[in-house]
Every structure is written in structure tokens, then in C-alpha cells.
Amino acid sequence: MYWIFEMSRLYYRYHYTDVLFAFRYPDWVIFVNVLLSLLNGFLGFRVLRGNLAVARSYALMLCLILLGGLINIGIL
């Protein structure tokens, strides 16, 4: 949930403040990061409820984190 807060704060700073950035993520990258964070939170919730095995959840979360990392560095 911290990542969602950081991405929304970054979006706010990009569009509603006078701060100049040397590098800016495109808006779609920020939205994809928020979407991946929400999906990871949902997977964590399913693990807590017992609907998803912990090992499978870790594998899915690792894949989503790697996907987010690849998007952030511009490969995808």
C-alpha cells in the first residue's frame, strides 16, 4: 500500500506543483505501478483468507514485481 501512496504522490507532484524534475515517468507507468500494487495487495488478502497458497502467492508477486521493474526501466 506504501507504493500506491508514493505513486499517487509522484503523480500529484508532476501535475499540480511547480517542482521541476530531471526525469519523469510517463503517466501510464505510474498507473500500471498502482494497478500492480493493487493486484499484489489482493493476492496478500487471498493468502490471509486461506484461498491461495503462500508459495504460489510469492511466485505471482515476484512475477508482478519483475514486470513492474521492467516497465520502470523502459524495457516493456
PDB file of N, CA and C in Angstrom:
ATOM      1  N   MET A   1       0.825  -1.185   0.000  1.00  0.00           N
ATOM      2  CA  MET A   1       0.000   0.000   0.000  1.00  0.00           C
ATOM      3  C   MET A   1       0.879   1.262   0.000  1.00  0.00           C
ATOM      4  N   TYR A   2       2.094   1.119   0.524  1.00  0.00           N
ATOM      5  CA  TYR A   2       3.026   2.252   0.522  1.00  0.00           C
ATOM      6  C   TYR A   2       3.361   2.669  -0.907  1.00  0.00           C
ATOM      7  N   TRP A   3       3.520   1.700  -1.807  1.00  0.00           N
ATOM      8  CA  TRP A   3       3.867   2.009  -3.186  1.00  0.00           C
ATOM      9  C   TRP A   3       2.745   2.784  -3.874  1.00  0.00           C
ATOM     10  N   ILE A   4       1.508   2.454  -3.560  1.00  0.00           N
ATOM     11  CA  ILE A   4       0.370   3.195  -4.119  1.00  0.00           C
ATOM     12  C   ILE A   4       0.425   4.649  -3.655  1.00  0.00           C
ATOM     13  N   PHE A   5       0.728   4.836  -2.378  1.00  0.00           N
ATOM     14  CA  PHE A   5       0.845   6.195  -1.836  1.00  0.00           C
ATOM     15  C   PHE A   5       1.964   6.960  -2.536  1.00  0.00           C
ATOM     16  N   GLU A   6       3.111   6.333  -2.722  1.00  0.00           N
ATOM     17  CA  GLU A   6       4.239   7.002  -3.368  1.00  0.00           C
ATOM     18  C   GLU A   6       3.936   7.358  -4.819  1.00  0.00           C
ATOM     19  N   MET A   7       3.312   6.458  -5.542  1.00  0.00           N
ATOM     20  CA  MET A   7       2.998   6.732  -6.949  1.00  0.00           C
ATOM     21  C   MET A   7       1.945   7.841  -7.079  1.00  0.00           C
ATOM     22  N   SER A   8       0.955   7.848  -6.189  1.00  0.00           N
ATOM     23  CA  SER A   8      -0.052   8.909  -6.257  1.00  0.00           C
ATOM     24  C   SER A   8       0.559  10.251  -5.863  1.00  0.00           C
ATOM     25  N   ARG A   9       1.490  10.246  -4.923  1.00  0.00           N
ATOM     26  CA  ARG A   9       2.167  11.481  -4.534  1.00  0.00           C
ATOM     27  C   ARG A   9       3.049  11.990  -5.677  1.00  0.00           C
ATOM     28  N   LEU A  10       3.711  11.073  -6.371  1.00  0.00           N
ATOM     29  CA  LEU A  10       4.532  11.454  -7.514  1.00  0.00           C
ATOM     30  C   LEU A  10       3.677  12.030  -8.638  1.00  0.00           C
ATOM     31  N   TYR A  11       2.537  11.408  -8.900  1.00  0.00           N
ATOM     32  CA  TYR A  11       1.612  11.934  -9.913  1.00  0.00           C
ATOM     33  C   TYR A  11       1.156  13.348  -9.538  1.00  0.00           C
ATOM     34  N   TYR A  12       0.834  13.547  -8.274  1.00  0.00           N
ATOM     35  CA  TYR A  12       0.409  14.869  -7.806  1.00  0.00           C
ATOM     36  C   TYR A  12       1.520  15.894  -8.003  1.00  0.00           C
ATOM     37  N   ARG A  13       2.739  15.509  -7.641  1.00  0.00           N
ATOM     38  CA  ARG A  13       3.855  16.441  -7.796  1.00  0.00           C
ATOM     39  C   ARG A  13       4.122  16.772  -9.266  1.00  0.00           C
ATOM     40  N   TYR A  14       3.958  15.815 -10.142  1.00  0.00           N
ATOM     41  CA  TYR A  14       4.162  16.062 -11.569  1.00  0.00           C
ATOM     42  C   TYR A  14       3.176  17.087 -12.115  1.00  0.00           C
ATOM     43  N   HIS A  15       1.922  16.987 -11.716  1.00  0.00           N
ATOM     44  CA  HIS A  15       0.874  17.762 -12.373  1.00  0.00           C
ATOM     45  C   HIS A  15       0.382  18.979 -11.598  1.00  0.00           C
ATOM     46  N   TYR A  16       0.563  19.009 -10.297  1.00  0.00           N
ATOM     47  CA  TYR A  16      -0.065  20.081  -9.525  1.00  0.00           C
ATOM     48  C   TYR A  16       0.907  20.901  -8.682  1.00  0.00           C
ATOM     49  N   THR A  17       2.201  20.758  -8.891  1.00  0.00           N
ATOM     50  CA  THR A  17       3.174  21.592  -8.186  1.00  0.00           C
ATOM     51  C   THR A  17       4.123  22.205  -9.203  1.00  0.00           C
ATOM     52  N   ASP A  18       4.961  23.099  -8.741  1.00  0.00           N
ATOM     53  CA  ASP A  18       5.929  23.764  -9.611  1.00  0.00           C
ATOM     54  C   ASP A  18       7.317  23.136  -9.516  1.00  0.00           C
ATOM     55  N   VAL A  19       7.404  21.925  -9.010  1.00  0.00           N
ATOM     56  CA  VAL A  19       8.681  21.243  -8.879  1.00  0.00           C
ATOM     57  C   VAL A  19       9.134  20.781 -10.263  1.00  0.00           C
ATOM     58  N   LEU A  20      10.389  21.055 -10.589  1.00  0.00           N
ATOM     59  CA  LEU A  20      10.944  20.618 -11.862  1.00  0.00           C
ATOM     60  C   LEU A  20      11.720  19.323 -11.649  1.00  0.00           C
ATOM     61  N   PHE A  21      11.502  18.355 -12.514  1.00  0.00           N
ATOM     62  CA  PHE A  21      12.157  17.061 -12.423  1.00  0.00           C
ATOM     63  C   PHE A  21      13.097  16.888 -13.601  1.00  0.00           C
ATOM     64  N   ALA A  22      14.252  16.273 -13.346  1.00  0.00           N
ATOM     65  CA  ALA A  22      15.177  15.974 -14.432  1.00  0.00           C
ATOM     66  C   ALA A  22      14.688  14.776 -15.239  1.00  0.00           C
ATOM     67  N   PHE A  23      13.964  13.896 -14.580  1.00  0.00           N
ATOM     68  CA  PHE A  23      13.421  12.711 -15.237  1.00  0.00           C
ATOM     69  C   PHE A  23      12.013  12.489 -14.714  1.00  0.00           C
ATOM     70  N   ARG A  24      11.092  12.201 -15.616  1.00  0.00           N
ATOM     71  CA  ARG A  24       9.709  11.939 -15.219  1.00  0.00           C
ATOM     72  C   ARG A  24       9.234  10.648 -15.844  1.00  0.00           C
ATOM     73  N   TYR A  25       8.538   9.837 -15.034  1.00  0.00           N
ATOM     74  CA  TYR A  25       7.870   8.666 -15.581  1.00  0.00           C
ATOM     75  C   TYR A  25       6.643   9.115 -16.359  1.00  0.00           C
ATOM     76  N   PRO A  26       6.330   8.447 -17.452  1.00  0.00           N
ATOM     77  CA  PRO A  26       5.058   8.748 -18.126  1.00  0.00           C
ATOM     78  C   PRO A  26       3.878   8.373 -17.210  1.00  0.00           C
ATOM     79  N   ASP A  27       2.761   9.000 -17.444  1.00  0.00           N
ATOM     80  CA  ASP A  27       1.590   8.732 -16.604  1.00  0.00           C
ATOM     81  C   ASP A  27       1.171   7.272 -16.655  1.00  0.00           C
ATOM     82  N   TRP A  28       1.286   6.628 -17.804  1.00  0.00           N
ATOM     83  CA  TRP A  28       0.846   5.234 -17.908  1.00  0.00           C
ATOM     84  C   TRP A  28       1.710   4.327 -17.044  1.00  0.00           C
ATOM     85  N   VAL A  29       2.989   4.664 -16.849  1.00  0.00           N
ATOM     86  CA  VAL A  29       3.852   3.861 -15.981  1.00  0.00           C
ATOM     87  C   VAL A  29       3.391   3.987 -14.535  1.00  0.00           C
ATOM     88  N   ILE A  30       3.018   5.170 -14.133  1.00  0.00           N
ATOM     89  CA  ILE A  30       2.525   5.371 -12.765  1.00  0.00           C
ATOM     90  C   ILE A  30       1.232   4.596 -12.558  1.00  0.00           C
ATOM     91  N   PHE A  31       0.330   4.638 -13.525  1.00  0.00           N
ATOM     92  CA  PHE A  31      -0.935   3.922 -13.395  1.00  0.00           C
ATOM     93  C   PHE A  31      -0.728   2.412 -13.387  1.00  0.00           C
ATOM     94  N   VAL A  32       0.197   1.910 -14.182  1.00  0.00           N
ATOM     95  CA  VAL A  32       0.492   0.475 -14.179  1.00  0.00           C
ATOM     96  C   VAL A  32       1.090   0.064 -12.840  1.00  0.00           C
ATOM     97  N   ASN A  33       1.948   0.903 -12.271  1.00  0.00           N
ATOM     98  CA  ASN A  33       2.511   0.596 -10.952  1.00  0.00           C
ATOM     99  C   ASN A  33       1.427   0.533  -9.880  1.00  0.00           C
ATOM    100  N   VAL A  34       0.485   1.444  -9.939  1.00  0.00           N
ATOM    101  CA  VAL A  34      -0.620   1.417  -8.976  1.00  0.00           C
ATOM    102  C   VAL A  34      -1.461   0.163  -9.178  1.00  0.00           C
ATOM    103  N   LEU A  35      -1.727  -0.198 -10.423  1.00  0.00           N
ATOM    104  CA  LEU A  35      -2.504  -1.396 -10.713  1.00  0.00           C
ATOM    105  C   LEU A  35      -1.791  -2.657 -10.213  1.00  0.00           C
ATOM    106  N   LEU A  36      -0.495  -2.748 -10.442  1.00  0.00           N
ATOM    107  CA  LEU A  36       0.263  -3.903  -9.959  1.00  0.00           C
ATOM    108  C   LEU A  36       0.289  -3.952  -8.436  1.00  0.00           C
ATOM    109  N   SER A  37       0.370  -2.794  -7.796  1.00  0.00           N
ATOM    110  CA  SER A  37       0.339  -2.751  -6.333  1.00  0.00           C
ATOM    111  C   SER A  37      -1.003  -3.210  -5.790  1.00  0.00           C
ATOM    112  N   LEU A  38      -2.085  -2.797  -6.438  1.00  0.00           N
ATOM    113  CA  LEU A  38      -3.405  -3.252  -6.017  1.00  0.00           C
ATOM    114  C   LEU A  38      -3.553  -4.759  -6.193  1.00  0.00           C
ATOM    115  N   LEU A  39      -3.016  -5.282  -7.270  1.00  0.00           N
ATOM    116  CA  LEU A  39      -3.075  -6.717  -7.518  1.00  0.00           C
ATOM    117  C   LEU A  39      -2.254  -7.478  -6.475  1.00  0.00           C
ATOM    118  N   ASN A  40      -1.097  -6.964  -6.111  1.00  0.00           N
ATOM    119  CA  ASN A  40      -0.299  -7.590  -5.054  1.00  0.00           C
ATOM    120  C   ASN A  40      -1.024  -7.540  -3.713  1.00  0.00           C
ATOM    121  N   GLY A  41      -1.704  -6.454  -3.426  1.00  0.00           N
ATOM    122  CA  GLY A  41      -2.486  -6.364  -2.194  1.00  0.00           C
ATOM    123  C   GLY A  41      -3.625  -7.371  -2.182  1.00  0.00           C
ATOM    124  N   PHE A  42      -4.267  -7.551  -3.337  1.00  0.00           N
ATOM    125  CA  PHE A  42      -5.332  -8.541  -3.443  1.00  0.00           C
ATOM    126  C   PHE A  42      -4.802  -9.956  -3.215  1.00  0.00           C
ATOM    127  N   LEU A  43      -3.627 -10.257  -3.773  1.00  0.00           N
ATOM    128  CA  LEU A  43      -3.027 -11.574  -3.552  1.00  0.00           C
ATOM    129  C   LEU A  43      -2.702 -11.788  -2.073  1.00  0.00           C
ATOM    130  N   GLY A  44      -2.194 -10.764  -1.417  1.00  0.00           N
ATOM    131  CA  GLY A  44      -1.920 -10.863   0.016  1.00  0.00           C
ATOM    132  C   GLY A  44      -3.187 -11.102   0.816  1.00  0.00           C
ATOM    133  N   PHE A  45      -4.259 -10.444   0.429  1.00  0.00           N
ATOM    134  CA  PHE A  45      -5.542 -10.644   1.101  1.00  0.00           C
ATOM    135  C   PHE A  45      -6.032 -12.082   0.925  1.00  0.00           C
ATOM    136  N   ARG A  46      -5.869 -12.630  -0.281  1.00  0.00           N
ATOM    137  CA  ARG A  46      -6.287 -14.018  -0.523  1.00  0.00           C
ATOM    138  C   ARG A  46      -5.453 -15.008   0.284  1.00  0.00           C
ATOM    139  N   VAL A  47      -4.179 -14.715   0.493  1.00  0.00           N
ATOM    140  CA  VAL A  47      -3.337 -15.579   1.325  1.00  0.00           C
ATOM    141  C   VAL A  47      -3.821 -15.540   2.768  1.00  0.00           C
ATOM    142  N   LEU A  48      -4.153 -14.351   3.250  1.00  0.00           N
ATOM    143  CA  LEU A  48      -4.634 -14.226   4.628  1.00  0.00           C
ATOM    144  C   LEU A  48      -5.950 -14.966   4.843  1.00  0.00           C
ATOM    145  N   ARG A  49      -6.792 -14.981   3.840  1.00  0.00           N
ATOM    146  CA  ARG A  49      -8.068 -15.685   3.960  1.00  0.00           C
ATOM    147  C   ARG A  49      -7.940 -17.177   3.740  1.00  0.00           C
ATOM    148  N   GLY A  50      -6.782 -17.632   3.252  1.00  0.00           N
ATOM    149  CA  GLY A  50      -6.562 -19.053   3.038  1.00  0.00           C
ATOM    150  C   GLY A  50      -6.995 -19.551   1.680  1.00  0.00           C
ATOM    151  N   ASN A  51      -7.296 -18.656   0.759  1.00  0.00           N
ATOM    152  CA  ASN A  51      -7.739 -19.060  -0.571  1.00  0.00           C
ATOM    153  C   ASN A  51      -6.589 -19.309  -1.541  1.00  0.00           C
ATOM    154  N   LEU A  52      -5.364 -18.946  -1.144  1.00  0.00           N
ATOM    155  CA  LEU A  52      -4.211 -19.051  -2.023  1.00  0.00           C
ATOM    156  C   LEU A  52      -3.019 -19.519  -1.209  1.00  0.00           C
ATOM    157  N   ALA A  53      -2.265 -20.451  -1.755  1.00  0.00           N
ATOM    158  CA  ALA A  53      -1.084 -20.960  -1.067  1.00  0.00           C
ATOM    159  C   ALA A  53      -0.003 -19.881  -1.017  1.00  0.00           C
ATOM    160  N   VAL A  54       0.778 -19.896   0.038  1.00  0.00           N
ATOM    161  CA  VAL A  54       1.805 -18.882   0.233  1.00  0.00           C
ATOM    162  C   VAL A  54       2.868 -18.973  -0.863  1.00  0.00           C
ATOM    163  N   ALA A  55       3.315 -20.175  -1.205  1.00  0.00           N
ATOM    164  CA  ALA A  55       4.354 -20.333  -2.219  1.00  0.00           C
ATOM    165  C   ALA A  55       3.875 -19.816  -3.579  1.00  0.00           C
ATOM    166  N   ARG A  56       2.652 -20.115  -3.932  1.00  0.00           N
ATOM    167  CA  ARG A  56       2.112 -19.632  -5.209  1.00  0.00           C
ATOM    168  C   ARG A  56       1.956 -18.115  -5.184  1.00  0.00           C
ATOM    169  N   SER A  57       1.549 -17.572  -4.059  1.00  0.00           N
ATOM    170  CA  SER A  57       1.410 -16.130  -3.936  1.00  0.00           C
ATOM    171  C   SER A  57       2.762 -15.437  -4.089  1.00  0.00           C
ATOM    172  N   TYR A  58       3.801 -15.993  -3.464  1.00  0.00           N
ATOM    173  CA  TYR A  58       5.132 -15.404  -3.618  1.00  0.00           C
ATOM    174  C   TYR A  58       5.590 -15.443  -5.070  1.00  0.00           C
ATOM    175  N   ALA A  59       5.316 -16.530  -5.763  1.00  0.00           N
ATOM    176  CA  ALA A  59       5.704 -16.635  -7.169  1.00  0.00           C
ATOM    177  C   ALA A  59       4.970 -15.591  -8.010  1.00  0.00           C
ATOM    178  N   LEU A  60       3.678 -15.418  -7.778  1.00  0.00           N
ATOM    179  CA  LEU A  60       2.908 -14.416  -8.526  1.00  0.00           C
ATOM    180  C   LEU A  60       3.369 -13.001  -8.205  1.00  0.00           C
ATOM    181  N   MET A  61       3.634 -12.730  -6.927  1.00  0.00           N
ATOM    182  CA  MET A  61       4.091 -11.401  -6.533  1.00  0.00           C
ATOM    183  C   MET A  61       5.458 -11.098  -7.125  1.00  0.00           C
ATOM    184  N   LEU A  62       6.345 -12.090  -7.150  1.00  0.00           N
ATOM    185  CA  LEU A  62       7.666 -11.888  -7.741  1.00  0.00           C
ATOM    186  C   LEU A  62       7.551 -11.578  -9.230  1.00  0.00           C
ATOM    187  N   CYS A  63       6.682 -12.290  -9.918  1.00  0.00           N
ATOM    188  CA  CYS A  63       6.466 -12.015 -11.346  1.00  0.00           C
ATOM    189  C   CYS A  63       5.918 -10.603 -11.556  1.00  0.00           C
ATOM    190  N   LEU A  64       4.980 -10.188 -10.725  1.00  0.00           N
ATOM    191  CA  LEU A  64       4.412  -8.846 -10.865  1.00  0.00           C
ATOM    192  C   LEU A  64       5.439  -7.766 -10.536  1.00  0.00           C
ATOM    193  N   ILE A  65       6.273  -8.007  -9.540  1.00  0.00           N
ATOM    194  CA  ILE A  65       7.306  -7.032  -9.191  1.00  0.00           C
ATOM    195  C   ILE A  65       8.338  -6.930 -10.304  1.00  0.00           C
ATOM    196  N   LEU A  66       8.722  -8.062 -10.887  1.00  0.00           N
ATOM    197  CA  LEU A  66       9.657  -8.032 -12.012  1.00  0.00           C
ATOM    198  C   LEU A  66       9.052  -7.315 -13.213  1.00  0.00           C
ATOM    199  N   LEU A  67       7.785  -7.552 -13.482  1.00  0.00           N
ATOM    200  CA  LEU A  67       7.100  -6.854 -14.566  1.00  0.00           C
ATOM    201  C   LEU A  67       7.103  -5.348 -14.326  1.00  0.00           C
ATOM    202  N   GLY A  68       6.809  -4.944 -13.107  1.00  0.00           N
ATOM    203  CA  GLY A  68       6.835  -3.517 -12.765  1.00  0.00           C
ATOM    204  C   GLY A  68       8.224  -2.921 -12.910  1.00  0.00           C
ATOM    205  N   GLY A  69       9.253  -3.678 -12.517  1.00  0.00           N
ATOM    206  CA  GLY A  69      10.629  -3.209 -12.673  1.00  0.00           C
ATOM    207  C   GLY A  69      11.020  -3.043 -14.124  1.00  0.00           C
ATOM    208  N   LEU A  70      10.615  -3.990 -14.956  1.00  0.00           N
ATOM    209  CA  LEU A  70      10.908  -3.890 -16.387  1.00  0.00           C
ATOM    210  C   LEU A  70      10.200  -2.696 -17.022  1.00  0.00           C
ATOM    211  N   ILE A  71       8.989  -2.432 -16.583  1.00  0.00           N
ATOM    212  CA  ILE A  71       8.261  -1.276 -17.098  1.00  0.00           C
ATOM    213  C   ILE A  71       8.947   0.015 -16.644  1.00  0.00           C
ATOM    214  N   ASN A  72       9.419   0.054 -15.395  1.00  0.00           N
ATOM    215  CA  ASN A  72      10.051   1.265 -14.880  1.00  0.00           C
ATOM    216  C   ASN A  72      11.352   1.593 -15.588  1.00  0.00           C
ATOM    217  N   ILE A  73      12.122   0.589 -15.973  1.00  0.00           N
ATOM    218  CA  ILE A  73      13.390   0.882 -16.640  1.00  0.00           C
ATOM    219  C   ILE A  73      13.232   1.032 -18.146  1.00  0.00           C
ATOM    220  N   GLY A  74      12.041   0.793 -18.650  1.00  0.00           N
ATOM    221  CA  GLY A  74      11.741   1.092 -20.043  1.00  0.00           C
ATOM    222  C   GLY A  74      11.911  -0.055 -21.021  1.00  0.00           C
ATOM    223  N   ILE A  75      12.070  -1.267 -20.530  1.00  0.00           N
ATOM    224  CA  ILE A  75      12.210  -2.397 -21.438  1.00  0.00           C
ATOM    225  C   ILE A  75      10.870  -2.744 -22.069  1.00  0.00           C
ATOM    226  N   LEU A  76       9.813  -2.691 -21.296  1.00  0.00           N
ATOM    227  CA  LEU A  76       8.476  -3.011 -21.827  1.00  0.00           C
ATOM    228  C   LEU A  76       7.694  -1.753 -22.111  1.00  0.00           C
TER     229      LEU A  76
END
